[in-house]
Amino acid sequence: MSDTTGGAGRRSYAGRSITVTFEAGRCRHAAECGRGLPEVFDTARRPWIRPDAADAGRVAEVVGRCPSGALRYEGVHGEEEPGRPSS
């Protein structure tokens, strides 16, 4: 897993099957991520996002619940999935 800073305050957290990105400036602290998968999203831990702590499908599902769009993900094929994952 890697934790890298991207453009515009965006930070990436790479796992084996999914990479989660977080844009702090967009976050509204609704905490959908932490309630949905506390083993992946834990603000008391560093790094606070650990994509490999759950199945990539579940991570994508929870990222899709982010009401502000601060969280996004890329799947194994590199497609970026803003908002809700494709059905």
C-alpha atoms as a PDB file:
ATOM      1  CA  MET A   1       0.000   0.000   0.000  1.00  0.00           C
ATOM      2  CA  SER A   2       1.247   3.474  -0.761  1.00  0.00           C
ATOM      3  CA  ASP A   3       0.142   6.891   0.395  1.00  0.00           C
ATOM      4  CA  THR A   4       0.921   9.617  -2.134  1.00  0.00           C
ATOM      5  CA  THR A   5      -0.131  13.191  -2.617  1.00  0.00           C
ATOM      6  CA  GLY A   6      -1.699  14.066  -5.944  1.00  0.00           C
ATOM      7  CA  GLY A   7      -2.682  17.389  -7.430  1.00  0.00           C
ATOM      8  CA  ALA A   8      -5.139  19.804  -5.796  1.00  0.00           C
ATOM      9  CA  GLY A   9      -4.752  18.369  -2.296  1.00  0.00           C
ATOM     10  CA  ARG A  10      -5.712  14.906  -3.412  1.00  0.00           C
ATOM     11  CA  ARG A  11      -4.067  11.990  -1.634  1.00  0.00           C
ATOM     12  CA  SER A  12      -3.985   8.410  -2.935  1.00  0.00           C
ATOM     13  CA  TYR A  13      -3.972   5.214  -0.896  1.00  0.00           C
ATOM     14  CA  ALA A  14      -3.046   2.240  -3.083  1.00  0.00           C
ATOM     15  CA  GLY A  15      -4.000  -1.314  -2.270  1.00  0.00           C
ATOM     16  CA  ARG A  16      -3.509  -4.514  -4.246  1.00  0.00           C
ATOM     17  CA  SER A  17      -6.867  -4.335  -6.052  1.00  0.00           C
ATOM     18  CA  ILE A  18      -8.153  -0.811  -5.502  1.00  0.00           C
ATOM     19  CA  THR A  19      -6.730   2.667  -4.971  1.00  0.00           C
ATOM     20  CA  VAL A  20      -8.747   5.143  -2.926  1.00  0.00           C
ATOM     21  CA  THR A  21      -8.196   8.867  -3.345  1.00  0.00           C
ATOM     22  CA  PHE A  22      -9.217  11.546  -0.878  1.00  0.00           C
ATOM     23  CA  GLU A  23      -9.580  15.274  -1.483  1.00  0.00           C
ATOM     24  CA  ALA A  24      -9.658  16.953   1.945  1.00  0.00           C
ATOM     25  CA  GLY A  25     -11.047  20.253   0.643  1.00  0.00           C
ATOM     26  CA  ARG A  26     -14.244  18.524  -0.532  1.00  0.00           C
ATOM     27  CA  CYS A  27     -14.874  16.484   2.639  1.00  0.00           C
ATOM     28  CA  ARG A  28     -17.951  17.455   4.683  1.00  0.00           C
ATOM     29  CA  HIS A  29     -17.227  14.956   7.490  1.00  0.00           C
ATOM     30  CA  ALA A  30     -20.448  12.992   7.099  1.00  0.00           C
ATOM     31  CA  ALA A  31     -18.450   9.917   8.239  1.00  0.00           C
ATOM     32  CA  GLU A  32     -20.206   7.514   5.855  1.00  0.00           C
ATOM     33  CA  CYS A  33     -16.836   5.889   5.183  1.00  0.00           C
ATOM     34  CA  GLY A  34     -15.974   5.247   8.829  1.00  0.00           C
ATOM     35  CA  ARG A  35     -19.428   3.889   9.620  1.00  0.00           C
ATOM     36  CA  GLY A  36     -19.413   1.709   6.513  1.00  0.00           C
ATOM     37  CA  LEU A  37     -15.950   0.164   6.850  1.00  0.00           C
ATOM     38  CA  PRO A  38     -14.155   1.205  10.036  1.00  0.00           C
ATOM     39  CA  GLU A  39     -11.406  -1.327   9.353  1.00  0.00           C
ATOM     40  CA  VAL A  40     -10.540   0.594   6.152  1.00  0.00           C
ATOM     41  CA  PHE A  41     -11.399   4.197   7.103  1.00  0.00           C
ATOM     42  CA  ASP A  42     -10.114   5.140  10.571  1.00  0.00           C
ATOM     43  CA  THR A  43      -9.190   8.793  11.160  1.00  0.00           C
ATOM     44  CA  ALA A  44      -7.368   7.904  14.396  1.00  0.00           C
ATOM     45  CA  ARG A  45      -4.816   5.831  12.464  1.00  0.00           C
ATOM     46  CA  ARG A  46      -2.099   6.783   9.972  1.00  0.00           C
ATOM     47  CA  PRO A  47      -2.516   6.183   7.156  1.00  0.00           C
ATOM     48  CA  TRP A  48      -6.216   6.594   7.814  1.00  0.00           C
ATOM     49  CA  ILE A  49      -7.258   4.701   4.672  1.00  0.00           C
ATOM     50  CA  ARG A  50      -6.141   1.065   4.273  1.00  0.00           C
ATOM     51  CA  PRO A  51      -7.749  -0.284   1.087  1.00  0.00           C
ATOM     52  CA  ASP A  52      -6.522  -3.858   1.616  1.00  0.00           C
ATOM     53  CA  ALA A  53      -8.341  -4.208   4.949  1.00  0.00           C
ATOM     54  CA  ALA A  54     -11.540  -5.260   3.116  1.00  0.00           C
ATOM     55  CA  ASP A  55     -12.676  -6.680  -0.206  1.00  0.00           C
ATOM     56  CA  ALA A  56     -12.220  -4.182  -3.069  1.00  0.00           C
ATOM     57  CA  GLY A  57     -15.922  -4.429  -3.951  1.00  0.00           C
ATOM     58  CA  ARG A  58     -16.965  -3.433  -0.451  1.00  0.00           C
ATOM     59  CA  VAL A  59     -14.440  -0.572  -0.442  1.00  0.00           C
ATOM     60  CA  ALA A  60     -15.874   0.689  -3.754  1.00  0.00           C
ATOM     61  CA  GLU A  61     -19.411   0.411  -2.378  1.00  0.00           C
ATOM     62  CA  VAL A  62     -18.583   2.484   0.704  1.00  0.00           C
ATOM     63  CA  VAL A  63     -16.615   5.056  -1.312  1.00  0.00           C
ATOM     64  CA  GLY A  64     -19.734   5.405  -3.468  1.00  0.00           C
ATOM     65  CA  ARG A  65     -21.680   6.546  -0.403  1.00  0.00           C
ATOM     66  CA  CYS A  66     -19.459   9.598   0.095  1.00  0.00           C
ATOM     67  CA  PRO A  67     -21.931  12.490  -0.224  1.00  0.00           C
ATOM     68  CA  SER A  68     -19.315  15.128  -1.052  1.00  0.00           C
ATOM     69  CA  GLY A  69     -17.306  13.170  -3.609  1.00  0.00           C
ATOM     70  CA  ALA A  70     -14.147  13.647  -1.532  1.00  0.00           C
ATOM     71  CA  LEU A  71     -13.502   9.908  -1.810  1.00  0.00           C
ATOM     72  CA  ARG A  72     -13.041   8.222  -5.177  1.00  0.00           C
ATOM     73  CA  TYR A  73     -11.500   4.987  -6.306  1.00  0.00           C
ATOM     74  CA  GLU A  74      -9.655   3.373  -9.178  1.00  0.00           C
ATOM     75  CA  GLY A  75     -10.109  -0.297  -9.860  1.00  0.00           C
ATOM     76  CA  VAL A  76      -7.568  -2.796 -11.025  1.00  0.00           C
ATOM     77  CA  HIS A  77      -7.900  -1.632 -14.627  1.00  0.00           C
ATOM     78  CA  GLY A  78      -7.129   1.983 -13.758  1.00  0.00           C
ATOM     79  CA  GLU A  79     -10.567   3.439 -14.472  1.00  0.00           C
ATOM     80  CA  GLU A  80     -11.453   6.221 -12.083  1.00  0.00           C
ATOM     81  CA  GLU A  81     -14.876   5.857 -10.571  1.00  0.00           C
ATOM     82  CA  PRO A  82     -16.243   9.145  -9.249  1.00  0.00           C
ATOM     83  CA  GLY A  83     -19.187   8.966  -6.881  1.00  0.00           C
ATOM     84  CA  ARG A  84     -21.121   5.754  -7.002  1.00  0.00           C
ATOM     85  CA  PRO A  85     -19.560   2.664  -8.578  1.00  0.00           C
ATOM     86  CA  SER A  86     -20.937   1.425 -11.895  1.00  0.00           C
ATOM     87  CA  SER A  87     -23.526  -1.338 -11.759  1.00  0.00           C
END
